[in-house]
Protein backbone atom coordinates (compact mmCIF):
# COMPACT_ATOMS: atom_id res chain seq x y z
CA MET A 1 18.53 -3.48 -4.45
CA SER A 2 15.15 -4.34 -5.91
CA THR A 3 14.78 -7.10 -8.50
CA THR A 4 11.62 -5.57 -9.97
CA THR A 5 11.00 -5.99 -13.71
CA ALA A 6 8.36 -4.88 -16.20
CA GLN A 7 6.42 -8.09 -15.45
CA ASP A 8 5.78 -6.77 -11.92
CA TYR A 9 3.83 -3.85 -13.41
CA THR A 10 1.66 -5.65 -15.98
CA TRP A 11 -1.40 -4.83 -13.80
CA LEU A 12 -1.08 -1.18 -14.89
CA GLU A 13 -2.78 -1.57 -18.27
CA GLU A 14 -5.78 -3.41 -16.80
CA ARG A 15 -6.24 -1.45 -13.56
CA PHE A 16 -5.13 2.03 -14.70
CA PRO A 17 -5.23 2.21 -18.52
CA GLY A 18 -5.06 6.01 -18.56
CA LEU A 19 -1.84 5.95 -16.58
CA THR A 20 -0.07 3.96 -19.27
CA GLU A 21 -0.99 6.61 -21.83
CA ALA A 22 -0.38 9.65 -19.65
CA ASN A 23 2.51 12.04 -19.75
CA CYS A 24 4.20 13.98 -17.00
CA VAL A 25 5.01 17.53 -17.98
CA THR A 26 6.69 20.21 -15.93
CA LEU A 27 6.09 23.64 -17.40
CA ILE A 28 8.49 26.44 -16.59
CA HIS A 29 7.77 29.71 -18.37
CA GLY A 30 10.74 31.65 -19.68
CA LEU A 31 13.42 29.36 -18.28
CA PRO A 32 15.18 26.62 -20.25
CA PRO A 33 15.60 23.24 -18.49
CA ASP A 34 19.35 23.66 -17.93
CA ALA A 35 18.80 27.04 -16.24
CA LEU A 36 16.18 25.54 -13.94
CA LEU A 37 18.55 22.73 -13.00
CA ARG A 38 21.27 25.30 -12.22
CA ARG A 39 18.89 27.33 -10.03
CA LEU A 40 17.92 24.19 -8.15
CA GLY A 41 21.56 23.18 -7.79
CA ALA A 42 20.85 20.01 -9.77
CA THR A 43 22.70 18.40 -12.63
CA GLU A 44 21.15 16.36 -15.39
CA GLU A 45 22.45 12.84 -15.06
CA THR A 46 20.34 11.13 -17.69
CA ARG A 47 17.53 12.27 -19.95
CA PHE A 48 15.17 9.72 -21.45
CA VAL A 49 13.22 10.38 -24.61
CA GLY A 50 11.58 7.04 -25.29
CA VAL A 51 14.55 4.72 -25.01
CA ASP A 52 17.02 7.34 -26.24
CA ARG A 53 19.30 8.61 -23.50
CA HIS A 54 21.22 11.85 -23.07
CA GLY A 55 23.07 13.66 -20.29
CA LYS A 56 26.33 13.46 -18.39
CA ASP A 57 26.12 9.66 -18.05
CA PRO A 58 23.59 8.57 -20.68
CA ASP A 59 24.50 4.89 -20.49
CA GLY A 60 24.86 4.67 -16.71
CA LEU A 61 21.51 2.93 -16.30
CA VAL A 62 21.65 0.76 -19.42
CA PRO A 63 22.33 -2.50 -17.54
CA VAL A 64 19.42 -1.82 -15.18
CA MET A 65 17.19 -0.75 -18.09
CA ARG A 66 17.83 -4.10 -19.75
CA GLU A 67 17.24 -5.98 -16.47
CA VAL A 68 13.84 -4.34 -15.93
CA GLY A 69 12.64 -5.15 -19.44
CA PHE A 70 13.52 -2.40 -21.90
CA ASP A 71 14.32 -3.71 -25.37
CA LEU A 72 17.30 -1.50 -26.24
CA SER A 73 18.17 -3.26 -29.46
CA GLU A 74 18.61 -1.14 -32.56
CA ASP A 75 16.40 -3.43 -34.64
CA GLU A 76 13.34 -1.97 -36.34
CA ASP A 77 11.25 -4.73 -34.82
CA ARG A 78 12.27 -4.09 -31.22
CA ASP A 79 9.54 -4.76 -28.71
CA PHE A 80 7.94 -1.70 -27.09
CA ARG A 81 4.97 -3.54 -25.55
CA LEU A 82 6.18 -3.38 -21.94
CA HIS A 83 8.15 -0.14 -21.99
CA THR A 84 5.68 1.68 -19.73
CA GLU A 85 5.84 -1.15 -17.23
CA ALA A 86 9.63 -1.18 -17.57
CA ALA A 87 9.69 2.56 -16.83
CA PHE A 88 7.81 1.99 -13.57
CA ALA A 89 10.19 -0.86 -12.68
CA LEU A 90 13.18 1.37 -13.46
CA ALA A 91 11.76 4.16 -11.30
CA GLU A 92 11.35 1.67 -8.46
CA ARG A 93 14.91 0.44 -8.84
CA VAL A 94 16.30 3.98 -8.87
CA THR A 95 14.13 5.45 -6.09
CA GLY A 96 13.22 2.43 -3.98
CA VAL A 97 9.54 3.44 -4.16
CA ARG A 98 7.17 0.70 -5.26
CA ILE A 99 3.98 1.82 -7.00
CA THR A 100 1.09 -0.52 -6.16
CA PRO A 101 -2.57 -0.56 -7.16
CA GLU A 102 -3.43 0.22 -3.55
CA LEU A 103 -1.13 3.25 -3.54
CA LEU A 104 -2.74 4.59 -6.72
CA ASP A 105 -6.27 3.87 -5.42
CA THR A 106 -5.70 5.73 -2.15
CA SER A 107 -3.43 8.61 -3.15
CA ALA A 108 -4.44 12.18 -3.91
CA PHE A 109 -2.75 13.73 -6.92
CA VAL A 110 -2.31 17.46 -7.02
CA GLY A 111 -1.41 19.71 -9.91
CA ALA A 112 0.16 23.04 -9.07
CA LEU A 113 1.32 26.23 -10.74
CA VAL A 114 4.22 28.02 -9.11
CA ARG A 115 4.78 31.56 -10.30
CA LEU A 116 8.34 32.77 -10.20
CA PRO A 117 8.85 36.16 -8.59
């Protein structure tokens, strides 16, 4: 398993500042998320909204989230400065795919609209 942490992704803000402010949105017209998951034969394991977690096993990744650099304390002064970097580190730990500056520099990104029949 990877030992990646948020510190491994601190280059993001300098090299790709727009990426740290971007959002990923999947738009499905007329179909709620749970219905889409059913159609795909998928089940929601965990849903992240900021550092809030939901789903069948909302705390299943908490130890890894802490390891990669998320501040999951309940304090009002918790530190959000590296949460984007921590999200990339978490994605790497879960998927095994490392995002590098070279990968982002050389990849094509495609947006698509799929119309349901």
